[in-house]
Amino acid sequence: MADERGYMNRYGLTEAEARLIERRDWAAMIEAGGNIYLLLKIAGTVGQNLLQMGAQMRGESLDAFMQTRPHNSGTSIERSR
């Protein structure tokens, strides 16, 4: 996190790939061939979880996304991440 761009450069990411990561554009990363397990590692590093990723990919708020989940009890999940 201290030098995100430098880290990406060290591993040879293209400018386009780096921009996707900087924007946290999970859907575009998958479309570009990103591996979901690697994306989950990136998300965890930047403080996001799978539910937040799903909401962003659907263009919804986390609250709206949670309302569409099966067996949603209406209880709040941790949103501080």
N, C-alpha and C. Protein backbone atom coordinates (compact mmCIF):
# COMPACT_ATOMS: atom_id res chain seq x y z
N MET A 1 0.82 -1.20 0.00
CA MET A 1 0.00 0.00 0.00
C MET A 1 0.86 1.26 0.00
N ALA A 2 2.08 1.16 0.49
CA ALA A 2 2.93 2.35 0.57
C ALA A 2 3.33 2.86 -0.81
N ASP A 3 3.52 1.94 -1.75
CA ASP A 3 3.90 2.33 -3.12
C ASP A 3 3.21 1.38 -4.08
N GLU A 4 1.91 1.53 -4.20
CA GLU A 4 1.10 0.63 -5.01
C GLU A 4 1.58 0.57 -6.46
N ARG A 5 1.83 1.72 -7.06
CA ARG A 5 2.25 1.76 -8.45
C ARG A 5 3.62 1.12 -8.62
N GLY A 6 4.53 1.38 -7.72
CA GLY A 6 5.85 0.77 -7.78
C GLY A 6 5.77 -0.74 -7.68
N TYR A 7 4.90 -1.25 -6.83
CA TYR A 7 4.71 -2.70 -6.68
C TYR A 7 4.21 -3.31 -7.98
N MET A 8 3.23 -2.65 -8.59
CA MET A 8 2.68 -3.16 -9.86
C MET A 8 3.74 -3.11 -10.96
N ASN A 9 4.53 -2.06 -10.99
CA ASN A 9 5.59 -1.96 -11.99
C ASN A 9 6.63 -3.07 -11.82
N ARG A 10 6.93 -3.40 -10.58
CA ARG A 10 7.91 -4.45 -10.30
C ARG A 10 7.48 -5.79 -10.88
N TYR A 11 6.18 -6.02 -10.98
CA TYR A 11 5.68 -7.28 -11.51
C TYR A 11 5.23 -7.19 -12.97
N GLY A 12 5.56 -6.09 -13.62
CA GLY A 12 5.37 -5.97 -15.06
C GLY A 12 3.94 -5.75 -15.52
N LEU A 13 3.09 -5.21 -14.67
CA LEU A 13 1.73 -4.92 -15.12
C LEU A 13 1.75 -3.83 -16.18
N THR A 14 0.84 -3.94 -17.13
CA THR A 14 0.73 -2.89 -18.13
C THR A 14 0.05 -1.68 -17.51
N GLU A 15 0.11 -0.57 -18.20
CA GLU A 15 -0.56 0.65 -17.72
C GLU A 15 -2.06 0.40 -17.57
N ALA A 16 -2.66 -0.29 -18.54
CA ALA A 16 -4.10 -0.58 -18.48
C ALA A 16 -4.43 -1.45 -17.27
N GLU A 17 -3.62 -2.47 -17.01
CA GLU A 17 -3.85 -3.34 -15.86
C GLU A 17 -3.74 -2.56 -14.55
N ALA A 18 -2.73 -1.73 -14.46
CA ALA A 18 -2.53 -0.93 -13.26
C ALA A 18 -3.71 0.02 -13.01
N ARG A 19 -4.23 0.62 -14.06
CA ARG A 19 -5.37 1.52 -13.90
C ARG A 19 -6.60 0.77 -13.39
N LEU A 20 -6.82 -0.45 -13.87
CA LEU A 20 -7.95 -1.25 -13.38
C LEU A 20 -7.82 -1.49 -11.89
N ILE A 21 -6.64 -1.81 -11.45
CA ILE A 21 -6.41 -2.07 -10.03
C ILE A 21 -6.58 -0.79 -9.23
N GLU A 22 -6.03 0.30 -9.70
CA GLU A 22 -6.15 1.57 -8.99
C GLU A 22 -7.61 2.00 -8.85
N ARG A 23 -8.42 1.71 -9.86
CA ARG A 23 -9.85 2.07 -9.82
C ARG A 23 -10.67 1.05 -9.02
N ARG A 24 -10.02 -0.09 -8.67
CA ARG A 24 -10.72 -1.19 -7.98
C ARG A 24 -11.92 -1.63 -8.81
N ASP A 25 -11.69 -1.73 -10.12
CA ASP A 25 -12.75 -2.10 -11.07
C ASP A 25 -12.75 -3.62 -11.22
N TRP A 26 -13.41 -4.28 -10.27
CA TRP A 26 -13.38 -5.75 -10.20
C TRP A 26 -13.96 -6.40 -11.46
N ALA A 27 -15.06 -5.89 -11.96
CA ALA A 27 -15.68 -6.48 -13.15
C ALA A 27 -14.75 -6.37 -14.35
N ALA A 28 -14.11 -5.23 -14.53
CA ALA A 28 -13.19 -5.06 -15.65
C ALA A 28 -11.95 -5.94 -15.49
N MET A 29 -11.51 -6.15 -14.25
CA MET A 29 -10.36 -7.03 -14.03
C MET A 29 -10.71 -8.46 -14.42
N ILE A 30 -11.91 -8.91 -14.09
CA ILE A 30 -12.33 -10.25 -14.47
C ILE A 30 -12.46 -10.33 -15.99
N GLU A 31 -13.06 -9.31 -16.59
CA GLU A 31 -13.21 -9.28 -18.04
C GLU A 31 -11.85 -9.33 -18.75
N ALA A 32 -10.85 -8.72 -18.12
CA ALA A 32 -9.50 -8.69 -18.70
C ALA A 32 -8.74 -10.00 -18.44
N GLY A 33 -9.39 -10.94 -17.76
CA GLY A 33 -8.75 -12.23 -17.53
C GLY A 33 -8.21 -12.43 -16.14
N GLY A 34 -8.55 -11.53 -15.23
CA GLY A 34 -8.08 -11.65 -13.85
C GLY A 34 -8.63 -12.89 -13.17
N ASN A 35 -7.82 -13.49 -12.35
CA ASN A 35 -8.20 -14.67 -11.58
C ASN A 35 -8.92 -14.22 -10.31
N ILE A 36 -10.10 -14.78 -10.04
CA ILE A 36 -10.91 -14.33 -8.91
C ILE A 36 -10.17 -14.49 -7.59
N TYR A 37 -9.36 -15.52 -7.45
CA TYR A 37 -8.62 -15.71 -6.21
C TYR A 37 -7.58 -14.61 -6.00
N LEU A 38 -6.93 -14.21 -7.07
CA LEU A 38 -5.98 -13.11 -6.99
C LEU A 38 -6.71 -11.80 -6.69
N LEU A 39 -7.87 -11.61 -7.32
CA LEU A 39 -8.63 -10.39 -7.08
C LEU A 39 -9.09 -10.31 -5.63
N LEU A 40 -9.44 -11.45 -5.04
CA LEU A 40 -9.82 -11.46 -3.63
C LEU A 40 -8.64 -11.06 -2.74
N LYS A 41 -7.45 -11.47 -3.11
CA LYS A 41 -6.26 -11.06 -2.36
C LYS A 41 -6.04 -9.55 -2.46
N ILE A 42 -6.20 -9.02 -3.67
CA ILE A 42 -6.05 -7.57 -3.85
C ILE A 42 -7.12 -6.84 -3.03
N ALA A 43 -8.36 -7.31 -3.13
CA ALA A 43 -9.45 -6.67 -2.40
C ALA A 43 -9.18 -6.67 -0.90
N GLY A 44 -8.75 -7.79 -0.37
CA GLY A 44 -8.45 -7.86 1.06
C GLY A 44 -7.35 -6.90 1.46
N THR A 45 -6.37 -6.76 0.60
CA THR A 45 -5.26 -5.85 0.88
C THR A 45 -5.73 -4.41 0.95
N VAL A 46 -6.70 -4.05 0.12
CA VAL A 46 -7.17 -2.66 0.09
C VAL A 46 -8.41 -2.46 0.97
N GLY A 47 -8.76 -3.49 1.76
CA GLY A 47 -9.83 -3.33 2.74
C GLY A 47 -11.23 -3.60 2.22
N GLN A 48 -11.37 -4.36 1.14
CA GLN A 48 -12.70 -4.70 0.63
C GLN A 48 -12.92 -6.20 0.77
N ASN A 49 -14.18 -6.60 0.84
CA ASN A 49 -14.49 -8.02 0.93
C ASN A 49 -15.31 -8.46 -0.28
N LEU A 50 -15.61 -9.74 -0.33
CA LEU A 50 -16.33 -10.30 -1.48
C LEU A 50 -17.69 -9.66 -1.68
N LEU A 51 -18.39 -9.36 -0.62
CA LEU A 51 -19.70 -8.73 -0.74
C LEU A 51 -19.59 -7.32 -1.32
N GLN A 52 -18.60 -6.59 -0.89
CA GLN A 52 -18.38 -5.26 -1.44
C GLN A 52 -18.00 -5.33 -2.92
N MET A 53 -17.21 -6.34 -3.26
CA MET A 53 -16.84 -6.53 -4.67
C MET A 53 -18.09 -6.82 -5.50
N GLY A 54 -18.96 -7.71 -4.99
CA GLY A 54 -20.19 -8.07 -5.71
C GLY A 54 -21.08 -6.87 -5.92
N ALA A 55 -21.22 -6.05 -4.89
CA ALA A 55 -22.05 -4.85 -5.01
C ALA A 55 -21.49 -3.91 -6.07
N GLN A 56 -20.18 -3.69 -6.04
CA GLN A 56 -19.56 -2.79 -7.02
C GLN A 56 -19.73 -3.33 -8.43
N MET A 57 -19.59 -4.64 -8.58
CA MET A 57 -19.70 -5.24 -9.91
C MET A 57 -21.11 -5.13 -10.46
N ARG A 58 -22.10 -5.08 -9.59
CA ARG A 58 -23.49 -4.93 -10.02
C ARG A 58 -23.92 -3.46 -10.07
N GLY A 59 -23.06 -2.56 -9.65
CA GLY A 59 -23.39 -1.14 -9.67
C GLY A 59 -24.39 -0.77 -8.59
N GLU A 60 -24.32 -1.47 -7.46
CA GLU A 60 -25.26 -1.24 -6.35
C GLU A 60 -24.51 -0.84 -5.09
N SER A 61 -25.23 -0.24 -4.17
CA SER A 61 -24.66 -0.03 -2.84
C SER A 61 -24.59 -1.38 -2.14
N LEU A 62 -23.79 -1.46 -1.11
CA LEU A 62 -23.70 -2.72 -0.36
C LEU A 62 -25.06 -3.07 0.24
N ASP A 63 -25.78 -2.07 0.76
CA ASP A 63 -27.11 -2.33 1.34
C ASP A 63 -28.07 -2.90 0.31
N ALA A 64 -28.10 -2.31 -0.89
CA ALA A 64 -28.99 -2.81 -1.94
C ALA A 64 -28.59 -4.22 -2.35
N PHE A 65 -27.30 -4.46 -2.48
CA PHE A 65 -26.81 -5.78 -2.84
C PHE A 65 -27.21 -6.82 -1.80
N MET A 66 -27.07 -6.47 -0.52
CA MET A 66 -27.40 -7.41 0.55
C MET A 66 -28.88 -7.78 0.54
N GLN A 67 -29.73 -6.87 0.11
CA GLN A 67 -31.16 -7.16 0.05
C GLN A 67 -31.48 -8.21 -1.01
N THR A 68 -30.59 -8.44 -1.94
CA THR A 68 -30.82 -9.43 -2.99
C THR A 68 -30.24 -10.79 -2.64
N ARG A 69 -29.54 -10.89 -1.53
CA ARG A 69 -28.91 -12.15 -1.15
C ARG A 69 -29.95 -13.10 -0.57
N PRO A 70 -29.88 -14.39 -0.93
CA PRO A 70 -30.80 -15.38 -0.36
C PRO A 70 -30.63 -15.44 1.16
N HIS A 71 -31.72 -15.67 1.83
CA HIS A 71 -31.73 -15.83 3.29
C HIS A 71 -31.24 -14.59 4.01
N ASN A 72 -31.40 -13.43 3.38
CA ASN A 72 -31.00 -12.19 4.03
C ASN A 72 -31.93 -11.93 5.20
N SER A 73 -31.36 -11.90 6.37
CA SER A 73 -32.18 -11.70 7.57
C SER A 73 -32.43 -10.23 7.85
N GLY A 74 -31.87 -9.39 7.03
CA GLY A 74 -32.03 -7.95 7.26
C GLY A 74 -31.07 -7.41 8.28
N THR A 75 -30.21 -8.26 8.81
CA THR A 75 -29.25 -7.79 9.79
C THR A 75 -28.07 -7.15 9.09
N SER A 76 -27.48 -6.21 9.76
CA SER A 76 -26.35 -5.48 9.20
C SER A 76 -25.09 -6.33 9.28
N ILE A 77 -24.29 -6.28 8.22
CA ILE A 77 -22.98 -6.94 8.24
C ILE A 77 -21.93 -5.87 8.47
N GLU A 78 -20.73 -6.31 8.73
CA GLU A 78 -19.66 -5.35 8.94
C GLU A 78 -19.45 -4.54 7.67
N ARG A 79 -19.55 -3.23 7.79
CA ARG A 79 -19.39 -2.35 6.63
C ARG A 79 -18.20 -1.43 6.76
N SER A 80 -17.40 -1.62 7.79
CA SER A 80 -16.29 -0.71 8.01
C SER A 80 -15.08 -1.04 7.16
N ARG A 81 -15.08 -2.18 6.51
CA ARG A 81 -13.92 -2.58 5.72
C ARG A 81 -13.93 -1.95 4.36
